[in-house]
Amino acid sequence: AERAEGRGLARLVGRSFRVTRYTDDNVRIYKTVPMKLPEGWRGDINYSARTKDGRVNFDALPADGDGNYCGVLLLRESDPLAQADTSPEELRALLDDVLPQFSPLVADDVLRAIAKKPPSRLPSFRFVGPRLHHRGSTVLLGDAIHTVKPYFGLGANTALEDVSILGAALDAAGDDIPAAVRGF
């Protein structure tokens, strides 16, 4: 872990503080996988699959109301198929092996484009609590405290849920705002 002193923000909070940056030991990259659902598959839900060994995570989200989906293939950064210009044949073999329900939905020309394109990076996530408040007057909400996949759009949803929970804590604490914040 790397530590840094927060001097610039100290003026805002009234005292210095430390920031701890953790090394991400589970870096994932992703490649998007456009696909069309076959007749009979529900087009209003997210699909998800992962391998037991953790090599592959796959999430597919509706892109429109016509059965078009955006798949997100997550691989470890060190995975040979996580690079640009990989073998379409090896990528197809991986999909056939670990995602047999999705592999037929990816056309060969689309698969070649996926194998060719460079990967994208996910932001790093790490919970550094346990305290989610500062001096009983400031709280963190939403994706500032919850690990969420950025492509699911859950940050705002978790913030709204957090506001509801904080509101209940404020109601229960009456005029004691610091107690409500600590209870949150």
N, C-alpha and C. Protein backbone atom coordinates (compact mmCIF):
# COMPACT_ATOMS: atom_id res chain seq x y z
N ALA A 1 0.84 -1.18 0.00
CA ALA A 1 0.00 0.00 0.00
C ALA A 1 0.88 1.24 0.00
N GLU A 2 0.42 2.25 -0.67
CA GLU A 2 1.16 3.51 -0.77
C GLU A 2 0.39 4.56 0.03
N ARG A 3 1.10 5.32 0.83
CA ARG A 3 0.45 6.35 1.64
C ARG A 3 0.86 7.73 1.16
N ALA A 4 -0.06 8.64 1.22
CA ALA A 4 0.21 10.03 0.84
C ALA A 4 -0.50 10.94 1.82
N GLU A 5 0.11 12.03 2.14
CA GLU A 5 -0.52 13.00 3.04
C GLU A 5 -1.43 13.91 2.22
N GLY A 6 -2.62 14.15 2.72
CA GLY A 6 -3.57 15.05 2.05
C GLY A 6 -3.45 16.45 2.62
N ARG A 7 -2.63 17.28 2.02
CA ARG A 7 -2.41 18.63 2.54
C ARG A 7 -3.35 19.64 1.89
N GLY A 8 -3.58 19.50 0.57
CA GLY A 8 -4.43 20.46 -0.12
C GLY A 8 -5.85 20.44 0.40
N LEU A 9 -6.37 19.26 0.67
CA LEU A 9 -7.73 19.16 1.17
C LEU A 9 -7.81 19.46 2.66
N ALA A 10 -6.69 19.49 3.33
CA ALA A 10 -6.69 19.74 4.78
C ALA A 10 -7.36 21.06 5.10
N ARG A 11 -7.19 22.03 4.22
CA ARG A 11 -7.84 23.32 4.45
C ARG A 11 -9.36 23.19 4.44
N LEU A 12 -9.87 22.24 3.65
CA LEU A 12 -11.31 22.07 3.57
C LEU A 12 -11.87 21.34 4.80
N VAL A 13 -11.14 20.37 5.30
CA VAL A 13 -11.67 19.57 6.43
C VAL A 13 -11.09 20.02 7.76
N GLY A 14 -10.15 20.95 7.77
CA GLY A 14 -9.65 21.51 9.01
C GLY A 14 -8.46 20.80 9.62
N ARG A 15 -8.00 19.71 9.02
CA ARG A 15 -6.80 19.03 9.53
C ARG A 15 -6.28 18.11 8.43
N SER A 16 -5.03 17.68 8.59
CA SER A 16 -4.47 16.80 7.57
C SER A 16 -5.04 15.39 7.73
N PHE A 17 -4.91 14.63 6.70
CA PHE A 17 -5.38 13.26 6.72
C PHE A 17 -4.49 12.43 5.81
N ARG A 18 -4.62 11.12 5.90
CA ARG A 18 -3.82 10.23 5.07
C ARG A 18 -4.70 9.52 4.06
N VAL A 19 -4.18 9.34 2.88
CA VAL A 19 -4.83 8.56 1.84
C VAL A 19 -4.01 7.30 1.64
N THR A 20 -4.64 6.16 1.67
CA THR A 20 -3.95 4.90 1.44
C THR A 20 -4.39 4.35 0.09
N ARG A 21 -3.45 4.14 -0.80
CA ARG A 21 -3.74 3.55 -2.10
C ARG A 21 -3.29 2.09 -2.06
N TYR A 22 -4.21 1.21 -2.40
CA TYR A 22 -3.92 -0.22 -2.38
C TYR A 22 -3.61 -0.71 -3.78
N THR A 23 -2.70 -1.64 -3.87
CA THR A 23 -2.39 -2.27 -5.15
C THR A 23 -3.55 -3.18 -5.52
N ASP A 24 -4.05 -3.03 -6.74
CA ASP A 24 -5.14 -3.88 -7.21
C ASP A 24 -4.55 -5.23 -7.59
N ASP A 25 -4.93 -6.27 -6.85
CA ASP A 25 -4.39 -7.60 -7.10
C ASP A 25 -5.34 -8.44 -7.96
N ASN A 26 -6.36 -7.84 -8.52
CA ASN A 26 -7.32 -8.57 -9.35
C ASN A 26 -7.73 -7.70 -10.55
N VAL A 27 -6.75 -7.17 -11.27
CA VAL A 27 -7.02 -6.29 -12.40
C VAL A 27 -7.76 -7.06 -13.48
N ARG A 28 -8.85 -6.49 -13.94
CA ARG A 28 -9.63 -7.08 -15.03
C ARG A 28 -9.68 -6.10 -16.19
N ILE A 29 -9.63 -6.63 -17.36
CA ILE A 29 -9.85 -5.84 -18.56
C ILE A 29 -11.10 -6.41 -19.22
N TYR A 30 -11.62 -5.68 -20.19
CA TYR A 30 -12.81 -6.21 -20.86
C TYR A 30 -12.78 -5.91 -22.34
N LYS A 31 -13.53 -6.73 -23.04
CA LYS A 31 -13.82 -6.49 -24.45
C LYS A 31 -15.33 -6.61 -24.60
N THR A 32 -15.91 -5.69 -25.34
CA THR A 32 -17.36 -5.74 -25.55
C THR A 32 -17.68 -6.73 -26.66
N VAL A 33 -18.82 -7.39 -26.51
CA VAL A 33 -19.24 -8.45 -27.42
C VAL A 33 -20.67 -8.17 -27.86
N PRO A 34 -20.86 -7.58 -29.05
CA PRO A 34 -22.24 -7.38 -29.52
C PRO A 34 -22.85 -8.72 -29.91
N MET A 35 -24.11 -8.92 -29.55
CA MET A 35 -24.77 -10.17 -29.91
C MET A 35 -26.28 -9.98 -29.99
N LYS A 36 -26.91 -10.88 -30.68
CA LYS A 36 -28.37 -10.86 -30.87
C LYS A 36 -28.93 -12.11 -30.22
N LEU A 37 -29.92 -11.91 -29.34
CA LEU A 37 -30.52 -13.06 -28.67
C LEU A 37 -31.39 -13.84 -29.64
N PRO A 38 -31.39 -15.16 -29.50
CA PRO A 38 -32.25 -15.97 -30.36
C PRO A 38 -33.72 -15.88 -29.90
N GLU A 39 -34.60 -16.29 -30.75
CA GLU A 39 -36.03 -16.34 -30.44
C GLU A 39 -36.24 -17.17 -29.18
N GLY A 40 -37.08 -16.67 -28.31
CA GLY A 40 -37.39 -17.41 -27.09
C GLY A 40 -36.60 -16.99 -25.86
N TRP A 41 -35.49 -16.26 -26.04
CA TRP A 41 -34.73 -15.77 -24.89
C TRP A 41 -35.38 -14.47 -24.43
N ARG A 42 -35.42 -14.28 -23.13
CA ARG A 42 -35.96 -13.02 -22.59
C ARG A 42 -35.01 -11.88 -22.92
N GLY A 43 -35.57 -10.79 -23.45
CA GLY A 43 -34.76 -9.64 -23.83
C GLY A 43 -34.81 -8.50 -22.83
N ASP A 44 -35.34 -8.77 -21.65
CA ASP A 44 -35.49 -7.70 -20.66
C ASP A 44 -34.68 -7.95 -19.39
N ILE A 45 -33.74 -8.87 -19.45
CA ILE A 45 -32.93 -9.17 -18.26
C ILE A 45 -31.45 -9.18 -18.62
N ASN A 46 -30.61 -9.11 -17.60
CA ASN A 46 -29.17 -9.24 -17.78
C ASN A 46 -28.81 -10.71 -17.67
N TYR A 47 -27.85 -11.15 -18.45
CA TYR A 47 -27.34 -12.51 -18.37
C TYR A 47 -25.91 -12.46 -17.84
N SER A 48 -25.54 -13.45 -17.05
CA SER A 48 -24.22 -13.44 -16.45
C SER A 48 -23.71 -14.86 -16.30
N ALA A 49 -22.41 -15.04 -16.51
CA ALA A 49 -21.78 -16.35 -16.33
C ALA A 49 -20.33 -16.12 -15.92
N ARG A 50 -19.78 -17.04 -15.16
CA ARG A 50 -18.37 -16.96 -14.77
C ARG A 50 -17.83 -18.37 -14.59
N THR A 51 -16.54 -18.47 -14.79
CA THR A 51 -15.90 -19.76 -14.61
C THR A 51 -15.51 -19.96 -13.15
N LYS A 52 -15.46 -21.22 -12.73
CA LYS A 52 -15.11 -21.51 -11.34
C LYS A 52 -13.70 -21.05 -10.99
N ASP A 53 -12.80 -21.12 -11.96
CA ASP A 53 -11.41 -20.74 -11.69
C ASP A 53 -11.18 -19.23 -11.75
N GLY A 54 -12.22 -18.46 -12.10
CA GLY A 54 -12.11 -17.01 -12.13
C GLY A 54 -11.48 -16.44 -13.40
N ARG A 55 -11.21 -17.29 -14.37
CA ARG A 55 -10.57 -16.78 -15.59
C ARG A 55 -11.51 -15.85 -16.36
N VAL A 56 -12.77 -16.23 -16.46
CA VAL A 56 -13.71 -15.51 -17.31
C VAL A 56 -14.94 -15.08 -16.52
N ASN A 57 -15.33 -13.83 -16.68
CA ASN A 57 -16.64 -13.33 -16.25
C ASN A 57 -17.30 -12.78 -17.50
N PHE A 58 -18.58 -13.04 -17.65
CA PHE A 58 -19.29 -12.53 -18.82
C PHE A 58 -20.63 -12.00 -18.37
N ASP A 59 -20.91 -10.77 -18.74
CA ASP A 59 -22.20 -10.14 -18.46
C ASP A 59 -22.76 -9.65 -19.78
N ALA A 60 -24.06 -9.83 -19.98
CA ALA A 60 -24.72 -9.35 -21.20
C ALA A 60 -25.93 -8.53 -20.79
N LEU A 61 -26.00 -7.31 -21.32
CA LEU A 61 -27.05 -6.37 -20.97
C LEU A 61 -27.83 -5.98 -22.21
N PRO A 62 -29.15 -5.75 -22.06
CA PRO A 62 -29.94 -5.33 -23.23
C PRO A 62 -29.43 -4.02 -23.79
N ALA A 63 -29.28 -3.98 -25.11
CA ALA A 63 -28.85 -2.74 -25.78
C ALA A 63 -30.05 -2.00 -26.36
N ASP A 64 -31.12 -2.73 -26.64
CA ASP A 64 -32.34 -2.12 -27.16
C ASP A 64 -33.50 -3.10 -26.93
N GLY A 65 -34.67 -2.79 -27.42
CA GLY A 65 -35.83 -3.65 -27.25
C GLY A 65 -35.98 -4.70 -28.33
N ASP A 66 -35.00 -4.81 -29.22
CA ASP A 66 -35.09 -5.74 -30.35
C ASP A 66 -34.22 -6.98 -30.18
N GLY A 67 -33.77 -7.27 -28.97
CA GLY A 67 -32.96 -8.47 -28.72
C GLY A 67 -31.47 -8.28 -28.93
N ASN A 68 -31.04 -7.06 -29.22
CA ASN A 68 -29.61 -6.80 -29.33
C ASN A 68 -29.05 -6.60 -27.93
N TYR A 69 -27.93 -7.24 -27.67
CA TYR A 69 -27.30 -7.19 -26.35
C TYR A 69 -25.86 -6.75 -26.48
N CYS A 70 -25.35 -6.15 -25.43
CA CYS A 70 -23.93 -5.83 -25.33
C CYS A 70 -23.34 -6.75 -24.27
N GLY A 71 -22.52 -7.67 -24.71
CA GLY A 71 -21.83 -8.55 -23.78
C GLY A 71 -20.53 -7.89 -23.34
N VAL A 72 -20.13 -8.19 -22.12
CA VAL A 72 -18.87 -7.67 -21.58
C VAL A 72 -18.06 -8.88 -21.13
N LEU A 73 -17.00 -9.18 -21.86
CA LEU A 73 -16.11 -10.29 -21.55
C LEU A 73 -14.98 -9.77 -20.68
N LEU A 74 -14.96 -10.20 -19.43
CA LEU A 74 -13.93 -9.77 -18.47
C LEU A 74 -12.90 -10.86 -18.31
N LEU A 75 -11.64 -10.47 -18.46
CA LEU A 75 -10.52 -11.40 -18.32
C LEU A 75 -9.46 -10.75 -17.44
N ARG A 76 -8.61 -11.59 -16.86
CA ARG A 76 -7.48 -11.04 -16.12
C ARG A 76 -6.53 -10.37 -17.12
N GLU A 77 -5.88 -9.34 -16.65
CA GLU A 77 -4.98 -8.58 -17.51
C GLU A 77 -3.89 -9.45 -18.13
N SER A 78 -3.45 -10.46 -17.41
CA SER A 78 -2.37 -11.33 -17.88
C SER A 78 -2.84 -12.43 -18.83
N ASP A 79 -4.12 -12.57 -19.03
CA ASP A 79 -4.65 -13.61 -19.90
C ASP A 79 -4.22 -13.33 -21.34
N PRO A 80 -3.68 -14.32 -22.04
CA PRO A 80 -3.25 -14.10 -23.43
C PRO A 80 -4.37 -13.60 -24.35
N LEU A 81 -5.61 -14.00 -24.09
CA LEU A 81 -6.72 -13.57 -24.93
C LEU A 81 -7.24 -12.18 -24.55
N ALA A 82 -6.66 -11.58 -23.53
CA ALA A 82 -7.06 -10.24 -23.11
C ALA A 82 -6.32 -9.16 -23.87
N GLN A 83 -5.48 -9.55 -24.77
CA GLN A 83 -4.65 -8.59 -25.51
C GLN A 83 -5.30 -8.26 -26.86
N ALA A 84 -4.77 -7.27 -27.53
CA ALA A 84 -5.20 -6.95 -28.90
C ALA A 84 -4.57 -7.96 -29.86
N ASP A 85 -5.19 -8.12 -31.01
CA ASP A 85 -4.67 -8.99 -32.07
C ASP A 85 -4.43 -10.42 -31.60
N THR A 86 -5.41 -10.97 -30.88
CA THR A 86 -5.30 -12.37 -30.46
C THR A 86 -5.91 -13.27 -31.52
N SER A 87 -5.77 -14.55 -31.32
CA SER A 87 -6.25 -15.54 -32.27
C SER A 87 -7.78 -15.70 -32.16
N PRO A 88 -8.51 -15.44 -33.26
CA PRO A 88 -9.96 -15.66 -33.22
C PRO A 88 -10.30 -17.13 -32.95
N GLU A 89 -9.46 -18.03 -33.43
CA GLU A 89 -9.71 -19.45 -33.21
C GLU A 89 -9.58 -19.80 -31.72
N GLU A 90 -8.57 -19.25 -31.06
CA GLU A 90 -8.41 -19.51 -29.62
C GLU A 90 -9.53 -18.86 -28.82
N LEU A 91 -9.96 -17.67 -29.23
CA LEU A 91 -11.06 -17.01 -28.54
C LEU A 91 -12.34 -17.82 -28.72
N ARG A 92 -12.60 -18.32 -29.93
CA ARG A 92 -13.79 -19.16 -30.17
C ARG A 92 -13.72 -20.42 -29.32
N ALA A 93 -12.55 -21.03 -29.24
CA ALA A 93 -12.40 -22.25 -28.42
C ALA A 93 -12.70 -21.96 -26.95
N LEU A 94 -12.24 -20.80 -26.46
CA LEU A 94 -12.54 -20.42 -25.08
C LEU A 94 -14.04 -20.24 -24.89
N LEU A 95 -14.69 -19.50 -25.79
CA LEU A 95 -16.13 -19.28 -25.67
C LEU A 95 -16.89 -20.60 -25.75
N ASP A 96 -16.51 -21.47 -26.67
CA ASP A 96 -17.17 -22.78 -26.78
C ASP A 96 -17.01 -23.58 -25.49
N ASP A 97 -15.83 -23.47 -24.88
CA ASP A 97 -15.54 -24.26 -23.69
C ASP A 97 -16.25 -23.72 -22.44
N VAL A 98 -16.14 -22.42 -22.20
CA VAL A 98 -16.61 -21.88 -20.92
C VAL A 98 -17.93 -21.11 -21.01
N LEU A 99 -18.33 -20.71 -22.23
CA LEU A 99 -19.59 -20.00 -22.41
C LEU A 99 -20.39 -20.61 -23.56
N PRO A 100 -20.65 -21.91 -23.49
CA PRO A 100 -21.31 -22.57 -24.63
C PRO A 100 -22.70 -22.02 -24.94
N GLN A 101 -23.35 -21.42 -23.96
CA GLN A 101 -24.68 -20.86 -24.21
C GLN A 101 -24.61 -19.55 -24.98
N PHE A 102 -23.46 -18.86 -24.93
CA PHE A 102 -23.31 -17.58 -25.60
C PHE A 102 -22.48 -17.66 -26.89
N SER A 103 -21.59 -18.60 -26.99
CA SER A 103 -20.69 -18.68 -28.14
C SER A 103 -21.43 -18.71 -29.48
N PRO A 104 -22.53 -19.47 -29.62
CA PRO A 104 -23.23 -19.48 -30.91
C PRO A 104 -23.86 -18.13 -31.28
N LEU A 105 -24.00 -17.24 -30.30
CA LEU A 105 -24.63 -15.94 -30.55
C LEU A 105 -23.65 -14.91 -31.11
N VAL A 106 -22.36 -15.29 -31.18
CA VAL A 106 -21.33 -14.39 -31.66
C VAL A 106 -20.88 -14.86 -33.04
N ALA A 107 -21.24 -14.09 -34.06
CA ALA A 107 -20.89 -14.45 -35.44
C ALA A 107 -19.37 -14.43 -35.62
N ASP A 108 -18.89 -15.21 -36.58
CA ASP A 108 -17.44 -15.32 -36.80
C ASP A 108 -16.80 -13.97 -37.14
N ASP A 109 -17.47 -13.14 -37.96
CA ASP A 109 -16.87 -11.84 -38.30
C ASP A 109 -16.81 -10.92 -37.07
N VAL A 110 -17.82 -11.01 -36.21
CA VAL A 110 -17.81 -10.24 -34.97
C VAL A 110 -16.70 -10.75 -34.05
N LEU A 111 -16.54 -12.06 -33.97
CA LEU A 111 -15.49 -12.65 -33.14
C LEU A 111 -14.10 -12.21 -33.60
N ARG A 112 -13.88 -12.16 -34.92
CA ARG A 112 -12.59 -11.70 -35.43
C ARG A 112 -12.33 -10.25 -35.00
N ALA A 113 -13.36 -9.41 -35.05
CA ALA A 113 -13.21 -8.00 -34.63
C ALA A 113 -12.92 -7.90 -33.14
N ILE A 114 -13.56 -8.75 -32.33
CA ILE A 114 -13.31 -8.75 -30.88
C ILE A 114 -11.87 -9.18 -30.59
N ALA A 115 -11.41 -10.21 -31.27
CA ALA A 115 -10.04 -10.69 -31.05
C ALA A 115 -9.02 -9.63 -31.46
N LYS A 116 -9.33 -8.84 -32.46
CA LYS A 116 -8.40 -7.83 -32.96
C LYS A 116 -8.32 -6.60 -32.07
N LYS A 117 -9.46 -6.18 -31.52
CA LYS A 117 -9.47 -4.89 -30.82
C LYS A 117 -8.74 -4.95 -29.48
N PRO A 118 -8.18 -3.81 -29.08
CA PRO A 118 -7.49 -3.75 -27.78
C PRO A 118 -8.51 -3.81 -26.64
N PRO A 119 -8.07 -4.27 -25.49
CA PRO A 119 -8.98 -4.33 -24.34
C PRO A 119 -9.19 -2.95 -23.72
N SER A 120 -10.24 -2.83 -22.96
CA SER A 120 -10.51 -1.64 -22.17
C SER A 120 -10.30 -1.99 -20.70
N ARG A 121 -10.07 -0.99 -19.88
CA ARG A 121 -9.80 -1.22 -18.45
C ARG A 121 -10.98 -0.79 -17.60
N LEU A 122 -11.21 -1.56 -16.57
CA LEU A 122 -12.18 -1.18 -15.55
C LEU A 122 -11.47 -0.35 -14.50
N PRO A 123 -12.19 0.55 -13.85
CA PRO A 123 -11.56 1.27 -12.73
C PRO A 123 -11.28 0.30 -11.59
N SER A 124 -10.31 0.63 -10.77
CA SER A 124 -9.99 -0.19 -9.61
C SER A 124 -10.96 0.13 -8.48
N PHE A 125 -11.30 -0.89 -7.72
CA PHE A 125 -12.19 -0.72 -6.59
C PHE A 125 -11.55 -1.30 -5.35
N ARG A 126 -11.73 -0.63 -4.24
CA ARG A 126 -11.24 -1.15 -2.97
C ARG A 126 -12.00 -0.44 -1.86
N PHE A 127 -12.56 -1.19 -0.94
CA PHE A 127 -13.23 -0.60 0.21
C PHE A 127 -12.17 -0.31 1.26
N VAL A 128 -12.14 0.92 1.74
CA VAL A 128 -11.12 1.30 2.72
C VAL A 128 -11.75 1.76 4.03
N GLY A 129 -12.98 1.30 4.30
CA GLY A 129 -13.67 1.66 5.54
C GLY A 129 -12.91 1.16 6.75
N PRO A 130 -13.54 0.99 7.88
CA PRO A 130 -14.97 0.79 8.01
C PRO A 130 -15.77 2.07 8.19
N ARG A 131 -15.13 3.19 8.37
CA ARG A 131 -15.86 4.42 8.65
C ARG A 131 -16.35 5.05 7.34
N LEU A 132 -17.63 5.34 7.29
CA LEU A 132 -18.22 5.94 6.10
C LEU A 132 -18.67 7.38 6.36
N HIS A 133 -18.14 7.97 7.43
CA HIS A 133 -18.52 9.33 7.77
C HIS A 133 -17.30 10.06 8.31
N HIS A 134 -17.41 11.38 8.41
CA HIS A 134 -16.33 12.20 8.94
C HIS A 134 -16.91 13.15 9.98
N ARG A 135 -16.46 13.02 11.20
CA ARG A 135 -16.85 13.90 12.30
C ARG A 135 -18.36 14.02 12.49
N GLY A 136 -19.09 13.00 12.13
CA GLY A 136 -20.52 13.03 12.36
C GLY A 136 -21.29 14.01 11.52
N SER A 137 -20.66 14.52 10.46
CA SER A 137 -21.37 15.52 9.65
C SER A 137 -21.29 15.27 8.15
N THR A 138 -20.45 14.35 7.73
CA THR A 138 -20.26 14.09 6.30
C THR A 138 -20.32 12.58 6.06
N VAL A 139 -21.09 12.16 5.06
CA VAL A 139 -21.21 10.73 4.75
C VAL A 139 -20.84 10.50 3.29
N LEU A 140 -20.49 9.27 2.99
CA LEU A 140 -20.24 8.84 1.62
C LEU A 140 -21.44 8.02 1.16
N LEU A 141 -21.80 8.16 -0.12
CA LEU A 141 -22.96 7.48 -0.67
C LEU A 141 -22.64 6.86 -2.02
N GLY A 142 -23.48 5.95 -2.45
CA GLY A 142 -23.43 5.42 -3.82
C GLY A 142 -22.16 4.68 -4.13
N ASP A 143 -21.67 4.88 -5.37
CA ASP A 143 -20.49 4.12 -5.78
C ASP A 143 -19.21 4.63 -5.14
N ALA A 144 -19.31 5.66 -4.30
CA ALA A 144 -18.14 6.08 -3.52
C ALA A 144 -17.85 5.06 -2.42
N ILE A 145 -18.84 4.24 -2.05
CA ILE A 145 -18.62 3.25 -0.99
C ILE A 145 -19.03 1.84 -1.39
N HIS A 146 -19.65 1.68 -2.54
CA HIS A 146 -20.09 0.36 -2.99
C HIS A 146 -19.30 -0.03 -4.23
N THR A 147 -18.82 -1.25 -4.26
CA THR A 147 -18.16 -1.77 -5.44
C THR A 147 -19.23 -2.19 -6.43
N VAL A 148 -19.31 -1.51 -7.54
CA VAL A 148 -20.31 -1.84 -8.56
C VAL A 148 -19.62 -1.90 -9.92
N LYS A 149 -20.18 -2.70 -10.79
CA LYS A 149 -19.67 -2.74 -12.16
C LYS A 149 -20.15 -1.46 -12.85
N PRO A 150 -19.24 -0.69 -13.41
CA PRO A 150 -19.63 0.61 -13.97
C PRO A 150 -20.62 0.50 -15.12
N TYR A 151 -20.62 -0.59 -15.84
CA TYR A 151 -21.50 -0.71 -16.98
C TYR A 151 -22.92 -1.14 -16.58
N PHE A 152 -23.16 -1.45 -15.30
CA PHE A 152 -24.52 -1.75 -14.85
C PHE A 152 -25.27 -0.49 -14.44
N GLY A 153 -24.59 0.64 -14.29
CA GLY A 153 -25.26 1.88 -13.94
C GLY A 153 -25.87 1.87 -12.55
N LEU A 154 -25.21 1.21 -11.61
CA LEU A 154 -25.78 1.07 -10.27
C LEU A 154 -25.34 2.14 -9.29
N GLY A 155 -24.38 2.98 -9.64
CA GLY A 155 -23.88 3.99 -8.70
C GLY A 155 -24.98 4.92 -8.23
N ALA A 156 -25.78 5.45 -9.14
CA ALA A 156 -26.87 6.35 -8.76
C ALA A 156 -27.94 5.59 -7.99
N ASN A 157 -28.21 4.34 -8.39
CA ASN A 157 -29.21 3.55 -7.68
C ASN A 157 -28.79 3.29 -6.23
N THR A 158 -27.52 2.95 -6.02
CA THR A 158 -27.08 2.72 -4.65
C THR A 158 -27.08 4.01 -3.85
N ALA A 159 -26.80 5.14 -4.51
CA ALA A 159 -26.86 6.43 -3.81
C ALA A 159 -28.29 6.72 -3.34
N LEU A 160 -29.26 6.44 -4.19
CA LEU A 160 -30.66 6.66 -3.79
C LEU A 160 -31.05 5.74 -2.63
N GLU A 161 -30.61 4.50 -2.68
CA GLU A 161 -30.89 3.58 -1.58
C GLU A 161 -30.20 4.07 -0.30
N ASP A 162 -28.96 4.53 -0.43
CA ASP A 162 -28.23 5.05 0.74
C ASP A 162 -28.94 6.26 1.33
N VAL A 163 -29.47 7.14 0.48
CA VAL A 163 -30.20 8.31 0.97
C VAL A 163 -31.43 7.87 1.77
N SER A 164 -32.10 6.84 1.30
CA SER A 164 -33.27 6.33 2.02
C SER A 164 -32.87 5.78 3.39
N ILE A 165 -31.77 5.04 3.44
CA ILE A 165 -31.29 4.48 4.71
C ILE A 165 -30.83 5.61 5.64
N LEU A 166 -30.11 6.58 5.09
CA LEU A 166 -29.68 7.72 5.89
C LEU A 166 -30.89 8.50 6.41
N GLY A 167 -31.91 8.67 5.59
CA GLY A 167 -33.13 9.35 6.02
C GLY A 167 -33.78 8.64 7.19
N ALA A 168 -33.83 7.31 7.14
CA ALA A 168 -34.39 6.54 8.26
C ALA A 168 -33.55 6.73 9.52
N ALA A 169 -32.22 6.74 9.36
CA ALA A 169 -31.34 6.95 10.52
C ALA A 169 -31.54 8.34 11.11
N LEU A 170 -31.72 9.35 10.25
CA LEU A 170 -31.97 10.72 10.73
C LEU A 170 -33.31 10.80 11.47
N ASP A 171 -34.32 10.14 10.92
CA ASP A 171 -35.63 10.13 11.59
C ASP A 171 -35.53 9.47 12.96
N ALA A 172 -34.81 8.36 13.03
CA ALA A 172 -34.69 7.62 14.29
C ALA A 172 -33.88 8.38 15.33
N ALA A 173 -32.92 9.19 14.90
CA ALA A 173 -32.03 9.89 15.83
C ALA A 173 -32.58 11.23 16.29
N GLY A 174 -33.67 11.69 15.72
CA GLY A 174 -34.22 12.98 16.12
C GLY A 174 -33.26 14.11 15.79
N ASP A 175 -32.91 14.91 16.79
CA ASP A 175 -32.04 16.06 16.57
C ASP A 175 -30.56 15.73 16.66
N ASP A 176 -30.21 14.49 16.95
CA ASP A 176 -28.81 14.10 17.13
C ASP A 176 -28.22 13.65 15.78
N ILE A 177 -27.86 14.62 14.96
CA ILE A 177 -27.34 14.31 13.62
C ILE A 177 -26.06 13.48 13.68
N PRO A 178 -25.09 13.80 14.54
CA PRO A 178 -23.90 12.95 14.59
C PRO A 178 -24.23 11.49 14.90
N ALA A 179 -25.20 11.24 15.76
CA ALA A 179 -25.59 9.86 16.07
C ALA A 179 -26.20 9.20 14.85
N ALA A 180 -27.02 9.94 14.09
CA ALA A 180 -27.62 9.41 12.87
C ALA A 180 -26.55 9.06 11.84
N VAL A 181 -25.58 9.95 11.69
CA VAL A 181 -24.50 9.71 10.73
C VAL A 181 -23.69 8.49 11.13
N ARG A 182 -23.37 8.37 12.40
CA ARG A 182 -22.64 7.18 12.88
C ARG A 182 -23.48 5.92 12.68
N GLY A 183 -24.78 6.01 12.91
CA GLY A 183 -25.67 4.87 12.73
C GLY A 183 -25.82 4.43 11.29
N PHE A 184 -25.67 5.39 10.40
CA PHE A 184 -25.75 5.09 8.98
C PHE A 184 -24.63 4.16 8.59
